[in-house]
Amino acid sequence: MDFTQLRAFITVAQEGNLTRAAEKLHLTQPAVSLQIKSLQRSLDLQLFTRTPSGMALSTDGARLLPLAERVLASIADLRQAAAAMHSTVTGNLAIGTILDPEFTRLGAVLKLLVESFPQLSTELLHGMSGWVLQQIRAGRLDVGYYLGVPGKEFHCQTLTSFTYNVVAPRGWRSRVIGRDWPELARLPWVWTPPESAHNRMLSKVFSQYKATPNKVALVDQEPSMLDLVKSGVGLCLVRESTALKEAHLHGLVIADQVSLLTELTFICLARRKNEPAIAAIFSLLKTVWGN
């Protein structure tokens, strides 16, 4: 098996016809046919069946096609990353950070960036998710971490998906267990500024239920939010891993009927995604995160 065989397999599957596939690959029809036969022989599988109009994928071929497409896409990513490493990337890259460095794998990203592009300097600015997006839009940041998927003006790479839970003070079990969003809205809430992903997610879900949350405090840092919850002030939204930890260590109660799923993404302005420094860090993210 080689990559030319995989490319021929994918192209014939897309075109459904050997002649059209050969034209697209700039090869002769016998050459493409030979590549398909060689691939089938190496896999010991029949990938196509002949039809009056050309070639149709067999059941085995249909199952293997997505895997073949992923292999070729990975090769393309590898070549792109290697090409970027051969070029000299210089200048300064302003990166917006959120949450904690361990969760965003910031250290691993920066280590690989320094090793791969030693002439590129970086500047880190920390804030809330919405603030990072605003700064990138304004040109004060080049790239940054974000929670959720931004608008079409941004280029976005999803790093991971994760869950947020609602946590309540110790002793509030009867007030939150079995309760839905409208019921929880009536309880006291530790709220966050508009630039926060917490605000964005909670405002959306409460709007869907036409519920108005009872906001009793406004803070902009997760540790401060948790301190207020531990003090018995009200509910707040935290990452699932943090909720489980705080429930174990301090007896905080996790609401069992509600949760919110979001994505950790890395973004830049779409019109800037091919700038050398920006393309460089995006290529390294795939190595660090494995996607």
C-alpha atoms as a PDB file:
ATOM      1  CA  MET A   1       0.000   0.000   0.000  1.00  0.00           C
ATOM      2  CA  ASP A   2       1.225   3.505  -0.784  1.00  0.00           C
ATOM      3  CA  PHE A   3      -0.249   6.983  -0.829  1.00  0.00           C
ATOM      4  CA  THR A   4      -0.802   7.025  -4.599  1.00  0.00           C
ATOM      5  CA  GLN A   5      -3.048   3.973  -4.189  1.00  0.00           C
ATOM      6  CA  LEU A   6      -5.017   5.677  -1.412  1.00  0.00           C
ATOM      7  CA  ARG A   7      -5.371   8.808  -3.523  1.00  0.00           C
ATOM      8  CA  ALA A   8      -6.608   6.727  -6.459  1.00  0.00           C
ATOM      9  CA  PHE A   9      -9.071   4.887  -4.190  1.00  0.00           C
ATOM     10  CA  ILE A  10     -10.495   8.156  -2.837  1.00  0.00           C
ATOM     11  CA  THR A  11     -10.733   9.801  -6.242  1.00  0.00           C
ATOM     12  CA  VAL A  12     -12.491   6.830  -7.891  1.00  0.00           C
ATOM     13  CA  ALA A  13     -14.899   6.708  -4.939  1.00  0.00           C
ATOM     14  CA  GLN A  14     -15.649  10.420  -5.350  1.00  0.00           C
ATOM     15  CA  GLU A  15     -16.017  10.315  -9.132  1.00  0.00           C
ATOM     16  CA  GLY A  16     -17.663   6.886  -9.441  1.00  0.00           C
ATOM     17  CA  ASN A  17     -15.897   6.462 -12.751  1.00  0.00           C
ATOM     18  CA  LEU A  18     -12.367   5.389 -13.724  1.00  0.00           C
ATOM     19  CA  THR A  19     -12.124   7.736 -16.703  1.00  0.00           C
ATOM     20  CA  ARG A  20     -13.083  10.842 -14.730  1.00  0.00           C
ATOM     21  CA  ALA A  21     -10.834   9.796 -11.840  1.00  0.00           C
ATOM     22  CA  ALA A  22      -7.881   9.343 -14.233  1.00  0.00           C
ATOM     23  CA  GLU A  23      -8.474  12.823 -15.679  1.00  0.00           C
ATOM     24  CA  LYS A  24      -8.585  14.343 -12.214  1.00  0.00           C
ATOM     25  CA  LEU A  25      -5.370  12.552 -11.197  1.00  0.00           C
ATOM     26  CA  HIS A  26      -3.650  13.358 -14.529  1.00  0.00           C
ATOM     27  CA  LEU A  27      -3.023   9.653 -15.108  1.00  0.00           C
ATOM     28  CA  THR A  28      -4.102   7.112 -17.673  1.00  0.00           C
ATOM     29  CA  GLN A  29      -7.116   4.937 -16.959  1.00  0.00           C
ATOM     30  CA  PRO A  30      -5.035   1.711 -16.949  1.00  0.00           C
ATOM     31  CA  ALA A  31      -2.671   3.288 -14.396  1.00  0.00           C
ATOM     32  CA  VAL A  32      -5.536   4.145 -12.044  1.00  0.00           C
ATOM     33  CA  SER A  33      -7.075   0.704 -12.526  1.00  0.00           C
ATOM     34  CA  LEU A  34      -3.731  -0.913 -11.656  1.00  0.00           C
ATOM     35  CA  GLN A  35      -3.445   1.153  -8.466  1.00  0.00           C
ATOM     36  CA  ILE A  36      -6.944   0.092  -7.379  1.00  0.00           C
ATOM     37  CA  LYS A  37      -6.173  -3.565  -8.096  1.00  0.00           C
ATOM     38  CA  SER A  38      -2.892  -3.348  -6.178  1.00  0.00           C
ATOM     39  CA  LEU A  39      -4.612  -1.767  -3.186  1.00  0.00           C
ATOM     40  CA  GLN A  40      -7.344  -4.407  -3.182  1.00  0.00           C
ATOM     41  CA  ARG A  41      -4.723  -7.141  -3.365  1.00  0.00           C
ATOM     42  CA  SER A  42      -2.703  -5.718  -0.477  1.00  0.00           C
ATOM     43  CA  LEU A  43      -5.843  -5.383   1.661  1.00  0.00           C
ATOM     44  CA  ASP A  44      -7.364  -8.647   0.428  1.00  0.00           C
ATOM     45  CA  LEU A  45     -10.683  -6.826  -0.006  1.00  0.00           C
ATOM     46  CA  GLN A  46     -12.967  -5.921  -2.902  1.00  0.00           C
ATOM     47  CA  LEU A  47     -13.355  -2.140  -2.664  1.00  0.00           C
ATOM     48  CA  PHE A  48     -15.558  -1.504  -5.710  1.00  0.00           C
ATOM     49  CA  THR A  49     -18.252  -3.161  -7.760  1.00  0.00           C
ATOM     50  CA  ARG A  50     -18.781  -2.348 -11.421  1.00  0.00           C
ATOM     51  CA  THR A  51     -22.052  -0.672 -12.461  1.00  0.00           C
ATOM     52  CA  PRO A  52     -23.413   0.346 -15.871  1.00  0.00           C
ATOM     53  CA  SER A  53     -22.272   3.905 -15.203  1.00  0.00           C
ATOM     54  CA  GLY A  54     -18.864   3.132 -13.684  1.00  0.00           C
ATOM     55  CA  MET A  55     -17.639   2.087 -10.236  1.00  0.00           C
ATOM     56  CA  ALA A  56     -19.537   1.924  -6.943  1.00  0.00           C
ATOM     57  CA  LEU A  57     -18.064   1.393  -3.499  1.00  0.00           C
ATOM     58  CA  SER A  58     -18.573  -2.035  -1.987  1.00  0.00           C
ATOM     59  CA  THR A  59     -19.620  -2.337   1.662  1.00  0.00           C
ATOM     60  CA  ASP A  60     -15.962  -2.790   2.659  1.00  0.00           C
ATOM     61  CA  GLY A  61     -14.912   0.120   0.466  1.00  0.00           C
ATOM     62  CA  ALA A  62     -17.488   2.427   2.033  1.00  0.00           C
ATOM     63  CA  ARG A  63     -16.221   1.530   5.508  1.00  0.00           C
ATOM     64  CA  LEU A  64     -12.582   2.167   4.572  1.00  0.00           C
ATOM     65  CA  LEU A  65     -13.106   5.417   2.665  1.00  0.00           C
ATOM     66  CA  PRO A  66     -13.295   7.745   5.738  1.00  0.00           C
ATOM     67  CA  LEU A  67     -10.127   6.143   7.133  1.00  0.00           C
ATOM     68  CA  ALA A  68      -8.275   6.640   3.841  1.00  0.00           C
ATOM     69  CA  GLU A  69      -9.382  10.282   3.736  1.00  0.00           C
ATOM     70  CA  ARG A  70      -8.097  10.830   7.281  1.00  0.00           C
ATOM     71  CA  VAL A  71      -4.731   9.268   6.388  1.00  0.00           C
ATOM     72  CA  LEU A  72      -4.237  11.617   3.435  1.00  0.00           C
ATOM     73  CA  ALA A  73      -5.395  14.617   5.493  1.00  0.00           C
ATOM     74  CA  SER A  74      -2.861  13.730   8.203  1.00  0.00           C
ATOM     75  CA  ILE A  75      -0.091  13.495   5.615  1.00  0.00           C
ATOM     76  CA  ALA A  76      -1.053  16.929   4.292  1.00  0.00           C
ATOM     77  CA  ASP A  77      -0.961  18.341   7.838  1.00  0.00           C
ATOM     78  CA  LEU A  78       2.457  16.771   8.414  1.00  0.00           C
ATOM     79  CA  ARG A  79       3.865  18.270   5.236  1.00  0.00           C
ATOM     80  CA  GLN A  80       2.417  21.676   6.075  1.00  0.00           C
ATOM     81  CA  ALA A  81       3.914  21.596   9.562  1.00  0.00           C
ATOM     82  CA  ALA A  82       7.308  20.454   8.229  1.00  0.00           C
ATOM     83  CA  ALA A  83       7.297  23.188   5.595  1.00  0.00           C
ATOM     84  CA  ALA A  84       6.525  25.783   8.240  1.00  0.00           C
ATOM     85  CA  MET A  85       9.443  24.569  10.356  1.00  0.00           C
ATOM     86  CA  HIS A  86      11.857  24.975   7.458  1.00  0.00           C
ATOM     87  CA  SER A  87      10.882  28.585   7.034  1.00  0.00           C
ATOM     88  CA  THR A  88      12.196  31.334   9.270  1.00  0.00           C
ATOM     89  CA  VAL A  89       9.362  32.737  11.341  1.00  0.00           C
ATOM     90  CA  THR A  90      10.248  35.955  13.149  1.00  0.00           C
ATOM     91  CA  GLY A  91       8.453  38.740  14.954  1.00  0.00           C
ATOM     92  CA  ASN A  92       6.154  38.887  17.962  1.00  0.00           C
ATOM     93  CA  LEU A  93       3.014  36.832  18.580  1.00  0.00           C
ATOM     94  CA  ALA A  94       0.493  38.195  21.095  1.00  0.00           C
ATOM     95  CA  ILE A  95      -1.504  35.323  22.604  1.00  0.00           C
ATOM     96  CA  GLY A  96      -4.686  35.661  24.636  1.00  0.00           C
ATOM     97  CA  THR A  97      -4.997  33.103  27.445  1.00  0.00           C
ATOM     98  CA  ILE A  98      -7.951  32.037  29.600  1.00  0.00           C
ATOM     99  CA  LEU A  99      -8.641  29.611  32.447  1.00  0.00           C
ATOM    100  CA  ASP A 100      -5.568  27.873  33.906  1.00  0.00           C
ATOM    101  CA  PRO A 101      -2.403  26.963  31.932  1.00  0.00           C
ATOM    102  CA  GLU A 102      -2.682  23.271  32.795  1.00  0.00           C
ATOM    103  CA  PHE A 103      -6.139  22.974  31.253  1.00  0.00           C
ATOM    104  CA  THR A 104      -5.184  24.850  28.064  1.00  0.00           C
ATOM    105  CA  ARG A 105      -1.824  23.017  27.815  1.00  0.00           C
ATOM    106  CA  LEU A 106      -0.218  26.424  27.448  1.00  0.00           C
ATOM    107  CA  GLY A 107       3.184  25.270  28.690  1.00  0.00           C
ATOM    108  CA  ALA A 108       3.424  22.453  26.151  1.00  0.00           C
ATOM    109  CA  VAL A 109       2.359  24.774  23.321  1.00  0.00           C
ATOM    110  CA  LEU A 110       4.904  27.459  24.242  1.00  0.00           C
ATOM    111  CA  LYS A 111       7.711  24.921  24.718  1.00  0.00           C
ATOM    112  CA  LEU A 112       7.143  23.482  21.247  1.00  0.00           C
ATOM    113  CA  LEU A 113       6.794  26.970  19.772  1.00  0.00           C
ATOM    114  CA  VAL A 114      10.139  28.086  21.210  1.00  0.00           C
ATOM    115  CA  GLU A 115      11.879  24.902  20.066  1.00  0.00           C
ATOM    116  CA  SER A 116      10.426  25.035  16.542  1.00  0.00           C
ATOM    117  CA  PHE A 117      10.588  28.785  15.938  1.00  0.00           C
ATOM    118  CA  PRO A 118      13.352  30.221  18.154  1.00  0.00           C
ATOM    119  CA  GLN A 119      13.272  33.616  16.409  1.00  0.00           C
ATOM    120  CA  LEU A 120       9.605  34.148  17.228  1.00  0.00           C
ATOM    121  CA  SER A 121       8.908  35.969  20.504  1.00  0.00           C
ATOM    122  CA  THR A 122       5.613  35.720  22.371  1.00  0.00           C
ATOM    123  CA  GLU A 123       3.554  37.979  24.603  1.00  0.00           C
ATOM    124  CA  LEU A 124       0.847  36.515  26.841  1.00  0.00           C
ATOM    125  CA  LEU A 125      -2.196  38.462  27.988  1.00  0.00           C
ATOM    126  CA  HIS A 126      -4.744  36.796  30.290  1.00  0.00           C
ATOM    127  CA  GLY A 127      -8.434  37.574  30.461  1.00  0.00           C
ATOM    128  CA  MET A 128     -11.940  36.268  29.981  1.00  0.00           C
ATOM    129  CA  SER A 129     -13.007  34.415  26.862  1.00  0.00           C
ATOM    130  CA  GLY A 130     -15.066  37.264  25.395  1.00  0.00           C
ATOM    131  CA  TRP A 131     -12.292  39.755  26.118  1.00  0.00           C
ATOM    132  CA  VAL A 132      -9.819  37.628  24.141  1.00  0.00           C
ATOM    133  CA  LEU A 133     -12.183  37.622  21.163  1.00  0.00           C
ATOM    134  CA  GLN A 134     -12.617  41.405  21.376  1.00  0.00           C
ATOM    135  CA  GLN A 135      -8.852  41.988  21.519  1.00  0.00           C
ATOM    136  CA  ILE A 136      -8.246  39.736  18.498  1.00  0.00           C
ATOM    137  CA  ARG A 137     -10.950  41.563  16.557  1.00  0.00           C
ATOM    138  CA  ALA A 138      -9.336  44.896  17.471  1.00  0.00           C
ATOM    139  CA  GLY A 139      -5.868  43.706  16.445  1.00  0.00           C
ATOM    140  CA  ARG A 140      -4.362  43.955  19.928  1.00  0.00           C
ATOM    141  CA  LEU A 141      -3.990  40.164  20.088  1.00  0.00           C
ATOM    142  CA  ASP A 142      -2.958  37.905  17.213  1.00  0.00           C
ATOM    143  CA  VAL A 143      -4.400  34.607  18.477  1.00  0.00           C
ATOM    144  CA  GLY A 144      -5.978  33.237  21.616  1.00  0.00           C
ATOM    145  CA  TYR A 145      -7.998  30.646  23.466  1.00  0.00           C
ATOM    146  CA  TYR A 146     -11.781  30.936  23.422  1.00  0.00           C
ATOM    147  CA  LEU A 147     -14.744  29.031  24.842  1.00  0.00           C
ATOM    148  CA  GLY A 148     -17.283  28.135  22.174  1.00  0.00           C
ATOM    149  CA  VAL A 149     -17.299  28.720  18.420  1.00  0.00           C
ATOM    150  CA  PRO A 150     -16.863  32.345  17.276  1.00  0.00           C
ATOM    151  CA  GLY A 151     -18.413  34.038  14.249  1.00  0.00           C
ATOM    152  CA  LYS A 152     -17.449  33.627  10.602  1.00  0.00           C
ATOM    153  CA  GLU A 153     -14.882  36.419  10.724  1.00  0.00           C
ATOM    154  CA  PHE A 154     -12.688  34.121  12.843  1.00  0.00           C
ATOM    155  CA  HIS A 155     -10.634  31.057  11.978  1.00  0.00           C
ATOM    156  CA  CYS A 156     -11.211  28.487  14.713  1.00  0.00           C
ATOM    157  CA  GLN A 157      -9.571  25.207  15.740  1.00  0.00           C
ATOM    158  CA  THR A 158     -11.408  23.062  18.298  1.00  0.00           C
ATOM    159  CA  LEU A 159      -9.037  21.656  20.921  1.00  0.00           C
ATOM    160  CA  THR A 160     -11.414  19.736  23.196  1.00  0.00           C
ATOM    161  CA  SER A 161     -15.011  19.559  24.397  1.00  0.00           C
ATOM    162  CA  PHE A 162     -15.930  19.587  28.078  1.00  0.00           C
ATOM    163  CA  THR A 163     -18.818  20.050  30.490  1.00  0.00           C
ATOM    164  CA  TYR A 164     -19.762  22.795  32.925  1.00  0.00           C
ATOM    165  CA  ASN A 165     -21.709  21.988  36.101  1.00  0.00           C
ATOM    166  CA  VAL A 166     -23.678  24.110  38.537  1.00  0.00           C
ATOM    167  CA  VAL A 167     -22.331  23.938  42.090  1.00  0.00           C
ATOM    168  CA  ALA A 168     -24.070  25.022  45.294  1.00  0.00           C
ATOM    169  CA  PRO A 169     -22.939  25.566  48.900  1.00  0.00           C
ATOM    170  CA  ARG A 170     -22.651  22.704  51.356  1.00  0.00           C
ATOM    171  CA  GLY A 171     -26.054  21.920  52.806  1.00  0.00           C
ATOM    172  CA  TRP A 172     -28.016  23.018  49.736  1.00  0.00           C
ATOM    173  CA  ARG A 173     -28.624  19.483  48.497  1.00  0.00           C
ATOM    174  CA  SER A 174     -32.395  19.628  48.927  1.00  0.00           C
ATOM    175  CA  ARG A 175     -32.476  22.950  47.069  1.00  0.00           C
ATOM    176  CA  VAL A 176     -30.627  21.815  43.909  1.00  0.00           C
ATOM    177  CA  ILE A 177     -30.914  18.035  43.525  1.00  0.00           C
ATOM    178  CA  GLY A 178     -33.614  17.191  41.004  1.00  0.00           C
ATOM    179  CA  ARG A 179     -34.101  20.856  40.054  1.00  0.00           C
ATOM    180  CA  ASP A 180     -34.245  22.092  36.461  1.00  0.00           C
ATOM    181  CA  TRP A 181     -33.033  25.450  35.075  1.00  0.00           C
ATOM    182  CA  PRO A 182     -36.197  27.475  35.860  1.00  0.00           C
ATOM    183  CA  GLU A 183     -36.168  26.208  39.446  1.00  0.00           C
ATOM    184  CA  LEU A 184     -32.465  26.936  39.856  1.00  0.00           C
ATOM    185  CA  ALA A 185     -32.969  30.444  38.447  1.00  0.00           C
ATOM    186  CA  ARG A 186     -34.939  31.378  41.579  1.00  0.00           C
ATOM    187  CA  LEU A 187     -31.967  30.606  43.845  1.00  0.00           C
ATOM    188  CA  PRO A 188     -29.157  33.136  44.476  1.00  0.00           C
ATOM    189  CA  TRP A 189     -26.480  33.158  41.742  1.00  0.00           C
ATOM    190  CA  VAL A 190     -22.864  34.319  41.697  1.00  0.00           C
ATOM    191  CA  TRP A 191     -22.802  35.978  38.263  1.00  0.00           C
ATOM    192  CA  THR A 192     -20.013  37.012  35.881  1.00  0.00           C
ATOM    193  CA  PRO A 193     -19.416  39.972  33.512  1.00  0.00           C
ATOM    194  CA  PRO A 194     -20.677  39.937  29.889  1.00  0.00           C
ATOM    195  CA  GLU A 195     -17.177  39.086  28.591  1.00  0.00           C
ATOM    196  CA  SER A 196     -17.271  35.778  30.457  1.00  0.00           C
ATOM    197  CA  ALA A 197     -18.199  32.476  28.824  1.00  0.00           C
ATOM    198  CA  HIS A 198     -20.170  31.679  32.005  1.00  0.00           C
ATOM    199  CA  ASN A 199     -22.356  34.714  31.367  1.00  0.00           C
ATOM    200  CA  ARG A 200     -22.782  33.841  27.695  1.00  0.00           C
ATOM    201  CA  MET A 201     -23.789  30.221  28.336  1.00  0.00           C
ATOM    202  CA  LEU A 202     -26.070  30.876  31.314  1.00  0.00           C
ATOM    203  CA  SER A 203     -27.790  33.850  29.664  1.00  0.00           C
ATOM    204  CA  LYS A 204     -28.561  31.693  26.641  1.00  0.00           C
ATOM    205  CA  VAL A 205     -29.999  28.771  28.595  1.00  0.00           C
ATOM    206  CA  PHE A 206     -32.084  30.950  30.936  1.00  0.00           C
ATOM    207  CA  SER A 207     -33.384  32.869  27.922  1.00  0.00           C
ATOM    208  CA  GLN A 208     -34.476  29.598  26.346  1.00  0.00           C
ATOM    209  CA  TYR A 209     -36.529  28.826  29.461  1.00  0.00           C
ATOM    210  CA  LYS A 210     -37.729  32.454  29.782  1.00  0.00           C
ATOM    211  CA  ALA A 211     -36.281  32.475  33.294  1.00  0.00           C
ATOM    212  CA  THR A 212     -34.582  35.374  35.059  1.00  0.00           C
ATOM    213  CA  PRO A 213     -31.742  34.320  37.387  1.00  0.00           C
ATOM    214  CA  ASN A 214     -31.492  35.822  40.856  1.00  0.00           C
ATOM    215  CA  LYS A 215     -28.074  37.534  40.675  1.00  0.00           C
ATOM    216  CA  VAL A 216     -26.666  38.438  44.091  1.00  0.00           C
ATOM    217  CA  ALA A 217     -22.954  38.962  43.328  1.00  0.00           C
ATOM    218  CA  LEU A 218     -20.762  39.765  40.307  1.00  0.00           C
ATOM    219  CA  VAL A 219     -17.179  38.439  40.067  1.00  0.00           C
ATOM    220  CA  ASP A 220     -14.731  37.882  37.237  1.00  0.00           C
ATOM    221  CA  GLN A 221     -12.472  35.096  38.536  1.00  0.00           C
ATOM    222  CA  GLU A 222     -13.340  31.425  39.130  1.00  0.00           C
ATOM    223  CA  PRO A 223     -11.472  31.222  42.495  1.00  0.00           C
ATOM    224  CA  SER A 224     -13.523  34.188  43.776  1.00  0.00           C
ATOM    225  CA  MET A 225     -16.719  32.565  42.522  1.00  0.00           C
ATOM    226  CA  LEU A 226     -15.906  29.369  44.391  1.00  0.00           C
ATOM    227  CA  ASP A 227     -15.061  31.275  47.577  1.00  0.00           C
ATOM    228  CA  LEU A 228     -18.510  32.868  47.516  1.00  0.00           C
ATOM    229  CA  VAL A 229     -20.162  29.482  46.945  1.00  0.00           C
ATOM    230  CA  LYS A 230     -18.207  27.992  49.839  1.00  0.00           C
ATOM    231  CA  SER A 231     -19.343  30.929  51.966  1.00  0.00           C
ATOM    232  CA  GLY A 232     -22.975  30.091  51.216  1.00  0.00           C
ATOM    233  CA  VAL A 233     -23.709  33.080  48.966  1.00  0.00           C
ATOM    234  CA  GLY A 234     -25.171  31.176  46.005  1.00  0.00           C
ATOM    235  CA  LEU A 235     -24.714  29.008  42.936  1.00  0.00           C
ATOM    236  CA  CYS A 236     -22.103  29.286  40.215  1.00  0.00           C
ATOM    237  CA  LEU A 237     -21.004  27.544  37.038  1.00  0.00           C
ATOM    238  CA  VAL A 238     -17.655  25.701  36.976  1.00  0.00           C
ATOM    239  CA  ARG A 239     -15.897  23.109  34.873  1.00  0.00           C
ATOM    240  CA  GLU A 240     -16.874  19.514  35.652  1.00  0.00           C
ATOM    241  CA  SER A 241     -13.364  18.623  36.872  1.00  0.00           C
ATOM    242  CA  THR A 242     -13.414  21.576  39.279  1.00  0.00           C
ATOM    243  CA  ALA A 243     -16.939  20.737  40.454  1.00  0.00           C
ATOM    244  CA  LEU A 244     -15.963  17.154  41.282  1.00  0.00           C
ATOM    245  CA  LYS A 245     -12.834  18.306  43.106  1.00  0.00           C
ATOM    246  CA  GLU A 246     -14.693  20.922  45.174  1.00  0.00           C
ATOM    247  CA  ALA A 247     -17.480  18.465  45.981  1.00  0.00           C
ATOM    248  CA  HIS A 248     -14.888  16.031  47.310  1.00  0.00           C
ATOM    249  CA  LEU A 249     -12.774  18.552  49.230  1.00  0.00           C
ATOM    250  CA  HIS A 250     -15.370  21.026  50.507  1.00  0.00           C
ATOM    251  CA  GLY A 251     -18.715  19.302  50.208  1.00  0.00           C
ATOM    252  CA  LEU A 252     -20.111  21.571  47.492  1.00  0.00           C
ATOM    253  CA  VAL A 253     -23.272  20.177  45.922  1.00  0.00           C
ATOM    254  CA  ILE A 254     -23.423  19.503  42.175  1.00  0.00           C
ATOM    255  CA  ALA A 255     -26.829  20.033  40.549  1.00  0.00           C
ATOM    256  CA  ASP A 256     -27.673  16.693  38.994  1.00  0.00           C
ATOM    257  CA  GLN A 257     -30.301  17.672  36.399  1.00  0.00           C
ATOM    258  CA  VAL A 258     -28.438  20.370  34.467  1.00  0.00           C
ATOM    259  CA  SER A 259     -25.116  20.785  32.695  1.00  0.00           C
ATOM    260  CA  LEU A 260     -23.701  22.704  29.742  1.00  0.00           C
ATOM    261  CA  LEU A 261     -21.367  21.393  27.040  1.00  0.00           C
ATOM    262  CA  THR A 262     -18.867  23.731  25.395  1.00  0.00           C
ATOM    263  CA  GLU A 263     -15.600  23.655  23.441  1.00  0.00           C
ATOM    264  CA  LEU A 264     -12.153  25.008  24.100  1.00  0.00           C
ATOM    265  CA  THR A 265     -11.049  26.562  20.818  1.00  0.00           C
ATOM    266  CA  PHE A 266      -8.084  28.517  19.493  1.00  0.00           C
ATOM    267  CA  ILE A 267      -8.908  31.463  17.253  1.00  0.00           C
ATOM    268  CA  CYS A 268      -7.565  34.210  15.032  1.00  0.00           C
ATOM    269  CA  LEU A 269      -9.079  36.511  12.442  1.00  0.00           C
ATOM    270  CA  ALA A 270      -9.867  34.443   9.343  1.00  0.00           C
ATOM    271  CA  ARG A 271      -8.122  36.925   7.067  1.00  0.00           C
ATOM    272  CA  ARG A 272      -4.874  36.492   9.066  1.00  0.00           C
ATOM    273  CA  LYS A 273      -4.740  32.700   9.382  1.00  0.00           C
ATOM    274  CA  ASN A 274      -2.018  32.294   6.734  1.00  0.00           C
ATOM    275  CA  GLU A 275       0.389  34.796   8.293  1.00  0.00           C
ATOM    276  CA  PRO A 276       3.597  32.843   9.079  1.00  0.00           C
ATOM    277  CA  ALA A 277       3.584  33.273  12.875  1.00  0.00           C
ATOM    278  CA  ILE A 278      -0.127  32.526  13.184  1.00  0.00           C
ATOM    279  CA  ALA A 279       0.040  29.514  10.851  1.00  0.00           C
ATOM    280  CA  ALA A 280       3.018  28.268  12.872  1.00  0.00           C
ATOM    281  CA  ILE A 281       1.217  28.122  16.220  1.00  0.00           C
ATOM    282  CA  PHE A 282      -1.897  26.568  14.676  1.00  0.00           C
ATOM    283  CA  SER A 283       0.237  23.803  13.157  1.00  0.00           C
ATOM    284  CA  LEU A 284       1.797  23.056  16.550  1.00  0.00           C
ATOM    285  CA  LEU A 285      -1.560  22.867  18.307  1.00  0.00           C
ATOM    286  CA  LYS A 286      -2.334  19.725  16.332  1.00  0.00           C
ATOM    287  CA  THR A 287       0.814  18.122  17.759  1.00  0.00           C
ATOM    288  CA  VAL A 288       0.033  19.108  21.352  1.00  0.00           C
ATOM    289  CA  TRP A 289      -3.670  18.248  21.273  1.00  0.00           C
ATOM    290  CA  GLY A 290      -3.542  15.344  18.819  1.00  0.00           C
ATOM    291  CA  ASN A 291      -6.297  16.635  16.527  1.00  0.00           C
END
